[in-house]
Amino acid sequence: MVNKHINKIINSSFSLAFFTLISFATAYCYGWGQALFHGYPWWHVEVGNASMARSLAYVFIVSVLLFFCYALGYALINKVFKLHYFQHLGWLRVIVLVSVFTIPVILTFYVFTGIVPISISITYVLVTALSVLFFQKKWNDTKLDLDVRKMILKGDLHIFNLFIFLYFSLLALHIGYLRAGLRTTYDYIK
């Protein structure tokens, strides 16, 4: 019983440390994106309390969007499987999987920059179409369980954590680069 409580404390500590690491990474990557846009060296980027608060809010908002998209996709797949009308649903699984990670990107770009770059929309459509073409047969034959609790119990979350870290960091870098270009002349100190 005591060992179970210690494991919960350790897991929550690792989760908090991972959340903090992602927050620092997004704050720095956002600053590095701005530095890249303006052409000054990346080592001049400084992260203060305001940047940390913004990056924490950013990570929280995108995490909520990811969870919402995941829950919606999971509910959609479960509803379709209960109908028993469809024999092969590999295309639906691929579309849901691509959408879970792409729709938050599109919404985040819209919230933080005010625009959705056409390249992201085209990339989403192309990646979805190519994924359906190449992975449909594999996903038809694969029994996929999207239950996060089972994934956590397995303990094999290293690749997933790396993917989440890169996802948030690269998204912050791109938003920092794009947002810097949207500023008007009164935003600059003369």
N, C-alpha and C. Protein backbone atom coordinates (compact mmCIF):
# COMPACT_ATOMS: atom_id res chain seq x y z
N MET A 1 0.83 -1.19 0.00
CA MET A 1 0.00 0.00 0.00
C MET A 1 0.87 1.25 0.00
N VAL A 2 1.92 1.26 0.82
CA VAL A 2 2.81 2.41 0.89
C VAL A 2 3.55 2.57 -0.44
N ASN A 3 3.96 1.44 -1.04
CA ASN A 3 4.66 1.48 -2.31
C ASN A 3 3.80 2.11 -3.41
N LYS A 4 2.48 1.85 -3.37
CA LYS A 4 1.57 2.42 -4.36
C LYS A 4 1.53 3.94 -4.24
N HIS A 5 1.49 4.45 -3.00
CA HIS A 5 1.46 5.90 -2.79
C HIS A 5 2.79 6.54 -3.19
N ILE A 6 3.89 5.87 -2.93
CA ILE A 6 5.20 6.40 -3.33
C ILE A 6 5.29 6.47 -4.85
N ASN A 7 4.78 5.44 -5.53
CA ASN A 7 4.78 5.46 -7.00
C ASN A 7 3.94 6.61 -7.54
N LYS A 8 2.80 6.90 -6.89
CA LYS A 8 1.98 8.02 -7.33
C LYS A 8 2.72 9.34 -7.15
N ILE A 9 3.43 9.49 -6.04
CA ILE A 9 4.20 10.72 -5.80
C ILE A 9 5.32 10.86 -6.83
N ILE A 10 6.01 9.76 -7.10
CA ILE A 10 7.10 9.80 -8.08
C ILE A 10 6.56 10.12 -9.47
N ASN A 11 5.47 9.46 -9.86
CA ASN A 11 4.89 9.72 -11.18
C ASN A 11 4.38 11.14 -11.31
N SER A 12 3.76 11.67 -10.26
CA SER A 12 3.29 13.05 -10.34
C SER A 12 4.47 14.01 -10.37
N SER A 13 5.57 13.69 -9.69
CA SER A 13 6.76 14.54 -9.74
C SER A 13 7.37 14.54 -11.13
N PHE A 14 7.44 13.36 -11.75
CA PHE A 14 7.95 13.30 -13.12
C PHE A 14 7.04 14.05 -14.09
N SER A 15 5.73 13.93 -13.89
CA SER A 15 4.80 14.65 -14.76
C SER A 15 4.96 16.15 -14.61
N LEU A 16 5.11 16.62 -13.38
CA LEU A 16 5.31 18.05 -13.14
C LEU A 16 6.63 18.52 -13.72
N ALA A 17 7.68 17.72 -13.57
CA ALA A 17 8.98 18.08 -14.14
C ALA A 17 8.90 18.11 -15.67
N PHE A 18 8.20 17.17 -16.26
CA PHE A 18 8.04 17.15 -17.72
C PHE A 18 7.24 18.35 -18.19
N PHE A 19 6.18 18.70 -17.47
CA PHE A 19 5.38 19.88 -17.80
C PHE A 19 6.22 21.15 -17.70
N THR A 20 7.07 21.24 -16.69
CA THR A 20 7.95 22.40 -16.53
C THR A 20 8.97 22.45 -17.66
N LEU A 21 9.54 21.31 -18.01
CA LEU A 21 10.50 21.26 -19.12
C LEU A 21 9.86 21.71 -20.43
N ILE A 22 8.65 21.25 -20.69
CA ILE A 22 7.95 21.68 -21.90
C ILE A 22 7.68 23.18 -21.86
N SER A 23 7.35 23.71 -20.69
CA SER A 23 7.09 25.15 -20.57
C SER A 23 8.33 25.96 -20.87
N PHE A 24 9.47 25.58 -20.29
CA PHE A 24 10.72 26.29 -20.58
C PHE A 24 11.08 26.15 -22.06
N ALA A 25 10.90 24.95 -22.61
CA ALA A 25 11.24 24.74 -24.02
C ALA A 25 10.38 25.59 -24.93
N THR A 26 9.08 25.68 -24.63
CA THR A 26 8.22 26.50 -25.49
C THR A 26 8.55 27.98 -25.35
N ALA A 27 8.89 28.42 -24.14
CA ALA A 27 9.26 29.83 -23.97
C ALA A 27 10.53 30.16 -24.76
N TYR A 28 11.54 29.30 -24.65
CA TYR A 28 12.77 29.54 -25.40
C TYR A 28 12.57 29.39 -26.90
N CYS A 29 11.82 28.38 -27.32
CA CYS A 29 11.59 28.19 -28.76
C CYS A 29 10.80 29.34 -29.36
N TYR A 30 9.86 29.88 -28.61
CA TYR A 30 9.12 31.05 -29.08
C TYR A 30 10.08 32.23 -29.26
N GLY A 31 10.95 32.44 -28.29
CA GLY A 31 11.96 33.50 -28.40
C GLY A 31 12.94 33.24 -29.52
N TRP A 32 13.34 31.99 -29.71
CA TRP A 32 14.26 31.66 -30.80
C TRP A 32 13.60 31.88 -32.16
N GLY A 33 12.30 31.63 -32.25
CA GLY A 33 11.58 31.92 -33.49
C GLY A 33 11.59 33.40 -33.81
N GLN A 34 11.41 34.24 -32.77
CA GLN A 34 11.48 35.69 -32.98
C GLN A 34 12.89 36.11 -33.34
N ALA A 35 13.88 35.50 -32.69
CA ALA A 35 15.28 35.83 -33.01
C ALA A 35 15.60 35.45 -34.44
N LEU A 36 15.12 34.32 -34.88
CA LEU A 36 15.35 33.88 -36.26
C LEU A 36 14.72 34.86 -37.25
N PHE A 37 13.53 35.34 -36.93
CA PHE A 37 12.86 36.28 -37.82
C PHE A 37 13.63 37.60 -37.93
N HIS A 38 14.09 38.11 -36.78
CA HIS A 38 14.78 39.41 -36.77
C HIS A 38 16.26 39.31 -37.11
N GLY A 39 16.80 38.10 -37.13
CA GLY A 39 18.18 37.91 -37.55
C GLY A 39 19.23 38.12 -36.47
N TYR A 40 18.85 38.08 -35.21
CA TYR A 40 19.87 38.17 -34.17
C TYR A 40 20.15 36.79 -33.59
N PRO A 41 21.31 36.60 -32.95
CA PRO A 41 21.72 35.26 -32.50
C PRO A 41 20.77 34.68 -31.46
N TRP A 42 20.65 33.36 -31.48
CA TRP A 42 19.73 32.68 -30.59
C TRP A 42 20.14 32.79 -29.13
N TRP A 43 21.41 32.99 -28.83
CA TRP A 43 21.85 33.02 -27.44
C TRP A 43 21.49 34.33 -26.75
N HIS A 44 20.95 35.30 -27.48
CA HIS A 44 20.50 36.55 -26.86
C HIS A 44 19.07 36.44 -26.34
N VAL A 45 18.43 35.31 -26.54
CA VAL A 45 17.05 35.14 -26.08
C VAL A 45 17.06 34.94 -24.57
N GLU A 46 16.22 35.71 -23.90
CA GLU A 46 16.10 35.62 -22.45
C GLU A 46 14.65 35.34 -22.11
N VAL A 47 14.44 34.46 -21.17
CA VAL A 47 13.08 34.10 -20.77
C VAL A 47 12.85 34.61 -19.36
N GLY A 48 11.84 35.46 -19.21
CA GLY A 48 11.49 36.00 -17.90
C GLY A 48 10.19 35.39 -17.40
N ASN A 49 9.67 35.99 -16.32
CA ASN A 49 8.43 35.47 -15.73
C ASN A 49 7.25 35.58 -16.69
N ALA A 50 7.18 36.68 -17.44
CA ALA A 50 6.06 36.86 -18.38
C ALA A 50 6.11 35.80 -19.48
N SER A 51 7.31 35.49 -19.96
CA SER A 51 7.44 34.46 -21.00
C SER A 51 7.05 33.09 -20.45
N MET A 52 7.43 32.82 -19.22
CA MET A 52 7.06 31.53 -18.62
C MET A 52 5.55 31.43 -18.45
N ALA A 53 4.92 32.53 -18.01
CA ALA A 53 3.46 32.51 -17.84
C ALA A 53 2.77 32.29 -19.18
N ARG A 54 3.26 32.96 -20.23
CA ARG A 54 2.67 32.77 -21.55
C ARG A 54 2.87 31.33 -22.03
N SER A 55 4.06 30.79 -21.83
CA SER A 55 4.31 29.44 -22.31
C SER A 55 3.52 28.41 -21.50
N LEU A 56 3.33 28.64 -20.20
CA LEU A 56 2.49 27.74 -19.41
C LEU A 56 1.05 27.78 -19.91
N ALA A 57 0.56 28.98 -20.21
CA ALA A 57 -0.79 29.09 -20.76
C ALA A 57 -0.87 28.41 -22.12
N TYR A 58 0.16 28.59 -22.91
CA TYR A 58 0.20 27.97 -24.24
C TYR A 58 0.17 26.45 -24.13
N VAL A 59 1.01 25.89 -23.26
CA VAL A 59 1.04 24.43 -23.09
C VAL A 59 -0.30 23.94 -22.56
N PHE A 60 -0.89 24.67 -21.63
CA PHE A 60 -2.18 24.26 -21.08
C PHE A 60 -3.27 24.28 -22.15
N ILE A 61 -3.33 25.37 -22.94
CA ILE A 61 -4.36 25.48 -23.97
C ILE A 61 -4.22 24.38 -25.01
N VAL A 62 -3.00 24.16 -25.48
CA VAL A 62 -2.81 23.13 -26.51
C VAL A 62 -3.04 21.74 -25.91
N SER A 63 -2.69 21.53 -24.64
CA SER A 63 -2.95 20.23 -24.00
C SER A 63 -4.45 19.97 -23.91
N VAL A 64 -5.21 21.00 -23.56
CA VAL A 64 -6.67 20.85 -23.51
C VAL A 64 -7.22 20.56 -24.90
N LEU A 65 -6.71 21.25 -25.92
CA LEU A 65 -7.15 20.99 -27.29
C LEU A 65 -6.80 19.56 -27.72
N LEU A 66 -5.58 19.11 -27.38
CA LEU A 66 -5.20 17.74 -27.70
C LEU A 66 -6.11 16.73 -27.02
N PHE A 67 -6.40 16.96 -25.74
CA PHE A 67 -7.27 16.05 -25.01
C PHE A 67 -8.67 16.05 -25.61
N PHE A 68 -9.18 17.23 -25.96
CA PHE A 68 -10.51 17.32 -26.57
C PHE A 68 -10.55 16.58 -27.90
N CYS A 69 -9.55 16.79 -28.74
CA CYS A 69 -9.50 16.09 -30.03
C CYS A 69 -9.35 14.59 -29.83
N TYR A 70 -8.54 14.18 -28.86
CA TYR A 70 -8.37 12.76 -28.57
C TYR A 70 -9.69 12.15 -28.12
N ALA A 71 -10.39 12.81 -27.19
CA ALA A 71 -11.65 12.29 -26.69
C ALA A 71 -12.71 12.23 -27.78
N LEU A 72 -12.76 13.25 -28.62
CA LEU A 72 -13.71 13.27 -29.72
C LEU A 72 -13.42 12.14 -30.72
N GLY A 73 -12.16 11.95 -31.06
CA GLY A 73 -11.78 10.87 -31.97
C GLY A 73 -12.05 9.50 -31.38
N TYR A 74 -11.76 9.34 -30.10
CA TYR A 74 -12.00 8.07 -29.42
C TYR A 74 -13.50 7.75 -29.39
N ALA A 75 -14.32 8.76 -29.10
CA ALA A 75 -15.77 8.56 -29.08
C ALA A 75 -16.28 8.23 -30.48
N LEU A 76 -15.75 8.92 -31.49
CA LEU A 76 -16.16 8.67 -32.87
C LEU A 76 -15.83 7.24 -33.30
N ILE A 77 -14.63 6.80 -33.01
CA ILE A 77 -14.24 5.44 -33.39
C ILE A 77 -15.09 4.41 -32.65
N ASN A 78 -15.35 4.63 -31.35
CA ASN A 78 -16.18 3.67 -30.60
C ASN A 78 -17.60 3.62 -31.14
N LYS A 79 -18.18 4.76 -31.50
CA LYS A 79 -19.54 4.78 -32.06
C LYS A 79 -19.59 4.03 -33.39
N VAL A 80 -18.61 4.26 -34.24
CA VAL A 80 -18.60 3.61 -35.55
C VAL A 80 -18.40 2.10 -35.39
N PHE A 81 -17.54 1.68 -34.45
CA PHE A 81 -17.32 0.25 -34.25
C PHE A 81 -18.58 -0.45 -33.72
N LYS A 82 -19.39 0.25 -32.96
CA LYS A 82 -20.61 -0.36 -32.42
C LYS A 82 -21.68 -0.55 -33.49
N LEU A 83 -21.57 0.17 -34.60
CA LEU A 83 -22.57 0.03 -35.67
C LEU A 83 -22.45 -1.30 -36.41
N HIS A 84 -21.26 -1.87 -36.50
CA HIS A 84 -20.98 -3.14 -37.17
C HIS A 84 -21.32 -3.14 -38.66
N TYR A 85 -21.50 -1.98 -39.26
CA TYR A 85 -21.78 -1.92 -40.69
C TYR A 85 -20.50 -1.87 -41.51
N PHE A 86 -19.46 -1.43 -40.89
CA PHE A 86 -18.22 -1.24 -41.63
C PHE A 86 -17.27 -2.39 -41.33
N GLN A 87 -16.68 -2.95 -42.38
CA GLN A 87 -15.73 -4.03 -42.20
C GLN A 87 -14.32 -3.51 -42.01
N HIS A 88 -13.95 -2.52 -42.78
CA HIS A 88 -12.58 -2.02 -42.76
C HIS A 88 -12.60 -0.52 -42.44
N LEU A 89 -12.09 -0.19 -41.29
CA LEU A 89 -12.11 1.21 -40.85
C LEU A 89 -10.72 1.80 -40.71
N GLY A 90 -9.76 1.26 -41.43
CA GLY A 90 -8.40 1.78 -41.34
C GLY A 90 -8.31 3.23 -41.74
N TRP A 91 -9.08 3.65 -42.74
CA TRP A 91 -9.04 5.04 -43.19
C TRP A 91 -9.52 5.98 -42.10
N LEU A 92 -10.56 5.56 -41.34
CA LEU A 92 -11.09 6.40 -40.27
C LEU A 92 -10.07 6.54 -39.14
N ARG A 93 -9.41 5.45 -38.80
CA ARG A 93 -8.40 5.50 -37.75
C ARG A 93 -7.26 6.44 -38.13
N VAL A 94 -6.82 6.35 -39.36
CA VAL A 94 -5.71 7.21 -39.82
C VAL A 94 -6.13 8.67 -39.80
N ILE A 95 -7.33 8.97 -40.28
CA ILE A 95 -7.80 10.36 -40.30
C ILE A 95 -7.92 10.91 -38.88
N VAL A 96 -8.46 10.12 -37.96
CA VAL A 96 -8.59 10.57 -36.57
C VAL A 96 -7.21 10.79 -35.96
N LEU A 97 -6.27 9.88 -36.20
CA LEU A 97 -4.94 10.03 -35.64
C LEU A 97 -4.23 11.27 -36.16
N VAL A 98 -4.32 11.52 -37.46
CA VAL A 98 -3.69 12.72 -38.02
C VAL A 98 -4.40 13.98 -37.52
N SER A 99 -5.72 13.93 -37.41
CA SER A 99 -6.49 15.10 -36.97
C SER A 99 -6.24 15.45 -35.52
N VAL A 100 -6.03 14.44 -34.67
CA VAL A 100 -5.79 14.71 -33.25
C VAL A 100 -4.58 15.61 -33.06
N PHE A 101 -3.55 15.44 -33.89
CA PHE A 101 -2.36 16.26 -33.73
C PHE A 101 -2.32 17.47 -34.65
N THR A 102 -3.18 17.53 -35.65
CA THR A 102 -3.14 18.65 -36.59
C THR A 102 -4.15 19.73 -36.24
N ILE A 103 -5.33 19.38 -35.81
CA ILE A 103 -6.35 20.39 -35.49
C ILE A 103 -5.89 21.32 -34.38
N PRO A 104 -5.25 20.83 -33.29
CA PRO A 104 -4.72 21.79 -32.31
C PRO A 104 -3.67 22.73 -32.90
N VAL A 105 -2.88 22.25 -33.86
CA VAL A 105 -1.89 23.12 -34.51
C VAL A 105 -2.60 24.24 -35.26
N ILE A 106 -3.62 23.89 -36.01
CA ILE A 106 -4.36 24.89 -36.77
C ILE A 106 -5.03 25.89 -35.84
N LEU A 107 -5.68 25.40 -34.77
CA LEU A 107 -6.33 26.30 -33.82
C LEU A 107 -5.32 27.17 -33.08
N THR A 108 -4.16 26.61 -32.75
CA THR A 108 -3.14 27.38 -32.05
C THR A 108 -2.60 28.49 -32.93
N PHE A 109 -2.34 28.19 -34.19
CA PHE A 109 -1.89 29.24 -35.10
C PHE A 109 -2.94 30.34 -35.20
N TYR A 110 -4.20 29.96 -35.26
CA TYR A 110 -5.25 30.97 -35.37
C TYR A 110 -5.33 31.83 -34.10
N VAL A 111 -5.24 31.20 -32.93
CA VAL A 111 -5.33 31.94 -31.67
C VAL A 111 -4.13 32.85 -31.46
N PHE A 112 -2.92 32.37 -31.72
CA PHE A 112 -1.73 33.14 -31.39
C PHE A 112 -1.25 34.06 -32.50
N THR A 113 -1.56 33.77 -33.74
CA THR A 113 -1.10 34.64 -34.82
C THR A 113 -2.23 35.32 -35.56
N GLY A 114 -3.44 34.84 -35.40
CA GLY A 114 -4.58 35.44 -36.07
C GLY A 114 -4.81 34.92 -37.48
N ILE A 115 -3.91 34.09 -37.97
CA ILE A 115 -4.05 33.51 -39.31
C ILE A 115 -3.71 32.03 -39.24
N VAL A 116 -4.19 31.30 -40.22
CA VAL A 116 -3.78 29.91 -40.40
C VAL A 116 -3.03 29.86 -41.72
N PRO A 117 -1.72 29.61 -41.67
CA PRO A 117 -0.97 29.56 -42.93
C PRO A 117 -1.54 28.48 -43.86
N ILE A 118 -1.66 28.82 -45.11
CA ILE A 118 -2.22 27.89 -46.10
C ILE A 118 -1.35 26.64 -46.22
N SER A 119 -0.06 26.79 -45.94
CA SER A 119 0.83 25.63 -46.02
C SER A 119 0.47 24.57 -44.99
N ILE A 120 0.01 25.00 -43.82
CA ILE A 120 -0.38 24.02 -42.80
C ILE A 120 -1.64 23.28 -43.23
N SER A 121 -2.59 24.00 -43.79
CA SER A 121 -3.82 23.35 -44.26
C SER A 121 -3.53 22.37 -45.39
N ILE A 122 -2.69 22.78 -46.33
CA ILE A 122 -2.33 21.89 -47.44
C ILE A 122 -1.55 20.68 -46.93
N THR A 123 -0.63 20.91 -45.99
CA THR A 123 0.13 19.81 -45.40
C THR A 123 -0.80 18.83 -44.69
N TYR A 124 -1.79 19.35 -43.97
CA TYR A 124 -2.75 18.48 -43.29
C TYR A 124 -3.49 17.59 -44.28
N VAL A 125 -3.98 18.18 -45.36
CA VAL A 125 -4.72 17.41 -46.36
C VAL A 125 -3.81 16.38 -47.02
N LEU A 126 -2.58 16.79 -47.38
CA LEU A 126 -1.65 15.86 -48.03
C LEU A 126 -1.23 14.72 -47.10
N VAL A 127 -0.89 15.06 -45.85
CA VAL A 127 -0.48 14.02 -44.90
C VAL A 127 -1.63 13.05 -44.64
N THR A 128 -2.84 13.58 -44.52
CA THR A 128 -4.00 12.71 -44.30
C THR A 128 -4.22 11.79 -45.50
N ALA A 129 -4.18 12.36 -46.70
CA ALA A 129 -4.41 11.55 -47.90
C ALA A 129 -3.33 10.49 -48.07
N LEU A 130 -2.06 10.89 -47.92
CA LEU A 130 -0.97 9.93 -48.07
C LEU A 130 -1.00 8.87 -46.97
N SER A 131 -1.33 9.27 -45.75
CA SER A 131 -1.42 8.30 -44.65
C SER A 131 -2.51 7.28 -44.90
N VAL A 132 -3.65 7.76 -45.40
CA VAL A 132 -4.75 6.83 -45.70
C VAL A 132 -4.33 5.86 -46.80
N LEU A 133 -3.66 6.38 -47.83
CA LEU A 133 -3.24 5.51 -48.94
C LEU A 133 -2.22 4.46 -48.49
N PHE A 134 -1.24 4.88 -47.69
CA PHE A 134 -0.15 3.97 -47.34
C PHE A 134 -0.46 3.09 -46.12
N PHE A 135 -1.25 3.59 -45.17
CA PHE A 135 -1.42 2.87 -43.92
C PHE A 135 -2.81 2.27 -43.73
N GLN A 136 -3.70 2.41 -44.71
CA GLN A 136 -5.06 1.92 -44.53
C GLN A 136 -5.09 0.41 -44.31
N LYS A 137 -4.38 -0.36 -45.11
CA LYS A 137 -4.38 -1.81 -44.97
C LYS A 137 -3.78 -2.23 -43.64
N LYS A 138 -2.69 -1.59 -43.25
CA LYS A 138 -2.06 -1.92 -41.97
C LYS A 138 -3.01 -1.64 -40.81
N TRP A 139 -3.73 -0.52 -40.87
CA TRP A 139 -4.64 -0.16 -39.79
C TRP A 139 -5.90 -1.01 -39.82
N ASN A 140 -6.27 -1.56 -40.97
CA ASN A 140 -7.41 -2.47 -41.01
C ASN A 140 -7.11 -3.75 -40.25
N ASP A 141 -5.86 -4.21 -40.33
CA ASP A 141 -5.47 -5.47 -39.71
C ASP A 141 -4.99 -5.30 -38.27
N THR A 142 -4.78 -4.08 -37.83
CA THR A 142 -4.23 -3.82 -36.51
C THR A 142 -5.34 -3.54 -35.51
N LYS A 143 -5.28 -4.20 -34.38
CA LYS A 143 -6.21 -3.91 -33.30
C LYS A 143 -5.56 -2.83 -32.45
N LEU A 144 -6.11 -1.64 -32.51
CA LEU A 144 -5.51 -0.49 -31.82
C LEU A 144 -6.37 -0.12 -30.64
N ASP A 145 -5.74 -0.03 -29.48
CA ASP A 145 -6.44 0.41 -28.29
C ASP A 145 -5.96 1.81 -27.95
N LEU A 146 -6.86 2.77 -27.98
CA LEU A 146 -6.49 4.17 -27.74
C LEU A 146 -6.65 4.57 -26.28
N ASP A 147 -6.72 3.62 -25.38
CA ASP A 147 -6.93 3.92 -23.98
C ASP A 147 -5.63 4.42 -23.35
N VAL A 148 -5.63 5.67 -22.91
CA VAL A 148 -4.43 6.28 -22.33
C VAL A 148 -4.05 5.59 -21.03
N ARG A 149 -5.04 5.16 -20.26
CA ARG A 149 -4.73 4.50 -18.98
C ARG A 149 -3.89 3.24 -19.19
N LYS A 150 -4.20 2.48 -20.24
CA LYS A 150 -3.43 1.27 -20.53
C LYS A 150 -2.02 1.63 -20.99
N MET A 151 -1.91 2.72 -21.74
CA MET A 151 -0.57 3.16 -22.18
C MET A 151 0.28 3.56 -20.98
N ILE A 152 -0.34 4.23 -20.02
CA ILE A 152 0.40 4.66 -18.83
C ILE A 152 0.80 3.46 -17.99
N LEU A 153 -0.09 2.48 -17.87
CA LEU A 153 0.22 1.29 -17.08
C LEU A 153 1.35 0.47 -17.69
N LYS A 154 1.48 0.48 -19.01
CA LYS A 154 2.58 -0.24 -19.65
C LYS A 154 3.92 0.38 -19.28
N GLY A 155 3.95 1.67 -19.11
CA GLY A 155 5.19 2.34 -18.73
C GLY A 155 6.10 2.66 -19.90
N ASP A 156 5.68 2.40 -21.11
CA ASP A 156 6.50 2.68 -22.29
C ASP A 156 6.09 4.01 -22.91
N LEU A 157 6.33 5.08 -22.19
CA LEU A 157 5.92 6.39 -22.66
C LEU A 157 7.10 7.25 -23.11
N HIS A 158 8.28 6.67 -23.24
CA HIS A 158 9.46 7.47 -23.59
C HIS A 158 9.32 8.08 -24.98
N ILE A 159 8.91 7.29 -25.95
CA ILE A 159 8.75 7.81 -27.31
C ILE A 159 7.60 8.80 -27.36
N PHE A 160 6.53 8.52 -26.64
CA PHE A 160 5.39 9.44 -26.59
C PHE A 160 5.80 10.78 -25.97
N ASN A 161 6.56 10.74 -24.87
CA ASN A 161 7.03 11.97 -24.24
C ASN A 161 7.95 12.75 -25.16
N LEU A 162 8.82 12.06 -25.87
CA LEU A 162 9.70 12.73 -26.83
C LEU A 162 8.89 13.39 -27.94
N PHE A 163 7.88 12.68 -28.43
CA PHE A 163 7.02 13.25 -29.47
C PHE A 163 6.30 14.50 -28.96
N ILE A 164 5.74 14.45 -27.75
CA ILE A 164 5.03 15.60 -27.19
C ILE A 164 5.99 16.77 -27.00
N PHE A 165 7.20 16.50 -26.52
CA PHE A 165 8.20 17.57 -26.35
C PHE A 165 8.52 18.24 -27.68
N LEU A 166 8.80 17.44 -28.70
CA LEU A 166 9.11 17.99 -30.03
C LEU A 166 7.91 18.70 -30.63
N TYR A 167 6.73 18.17 -30.41
CA TYR A 167 5.49 18.77 -30.93
C TYR A 167 5.33 20.19 -30.40
N PHE A 168 5.40 20.37 -29.08
CA PHE A 168 5.23 21.69 -28.48
C PHE A 168 6.38 22.62 -28.83
N SER A 169 7.60 22.11 -28.82
CA SER A 169 8.76 22.96 -29.09
C SER A 169 8.76 23.48 -30.52
N LEU A 170 8.53 22.60 -31.48
CA LEU A 170 8.52 23.04 -32.88
C LEU A 170 7.34 23.95 -33.19
N LEU A 171 6.21 23.68 -32.56
CA LEU A 171 5.06 24.55 -32.75
C LEU A 171 5.33 25.95 -32.19
N ALA A 172 5.97 26.03 -31.03
CA ALA A 172 6.31 27.33 -30.44
C ALA A 172 7.33 28.06 -31.30
N LEU A 173 8.30 27.34 -31.86
CA LEU A 173 9.29 27.96 -32.73
C LEU A 173 8.62 28.57 -33.97
N HIS A 174 7.72 27.84 -34.58
CA HIS A 174 7.03 28.35 -35.76
C HIS A 174 6.13 29.53 -35.43
N ILE A 175 5.43 29.46 -34.30
CA ILE A 175 4.56 30.58 -33.92
C ILE A 175 5.39 31.81 -33.59
N GLY A 176 6.52 31.63 -32.91
CA GLY A 176 7.40 32.77 -32.63
C GLY A 176 7.91 33.42 -33.90
N TYR A 177 8.23 32.61 -34.89
CA TYR A 177 8.72 33.14 -36.16
C TYR A 177 7.61 33.87 -36.92
N LEU A 178 6.43 33.28 -36.98
CA LEU A 178 5.32 33.89 -37.72
C LEU A 178 4.75 35.12 -37.02
N ARG A 179 4.64 35.05 -35.70
CA ARG A 179 4.05 36.17 -34.97
C ARG A 179 4.92 37.41 -35.05
N ALA A 180 6.21 37.24 -35.09
CA ALA A 180 7.11 38.40 -35.19
C ALA A 180 6.88 39.15 -36.49
N GLY A 181 6.51 38.47 -37.54
CA GLY A 181 6.27 39.12 -38.82
C GLY A 181 4.94 39.84 -38.88
N LEU A 182 4.05 39.61 -37.94
CA LEU A 182 2.73 40.23 -37.96
C LEU A 182 2.68 41.55 -37.19
N ARG A 183 3.76 41.92 -36.54
CA ARG A 183 3.76 43.16 -35.76
C ARG A 183 3.72 44.37 -36.68
N THR A 184 3.11 45.41 -36.19
CA THR A 184 3.05 46.65 -36.97
C THR A 184 4.14 47.60 -36.49
N THR A 185 4.25 48.74 -37.13
CA THR A 185 5.38 49.64 -36.85
C THR A 185 5.35 50.20 -35.44
N TYR A 186 4.19 50.39 -34.83
CA TYR A 186 4.17 50.94 -33.48
C TYR A 186 4.63 49.94 -32.42
N ASP A 187 4.77 48.67 -32.78
CA ASP A 187 5.27 47.67 -31.84
C ASP A 187 6.79 47.76 -31.66
N TYR A 188 7.48 48.35 -32.60
CA TYR A 188 8.93 48.42 -32.54
C TYR A 188 9.38 49.68 -31.81
N ILE A 189 10.44 49.56 -31.05
CA ILE A 189 11.02 50.72 -30.37
C ILE A 189 11.91 51.44 -31.37
N LYS A 190 11.69 52.73 -31.52
CA LYS A 190 12.48 53.50 -32.49
C LYS A 190 13.57 54.28 -31.79
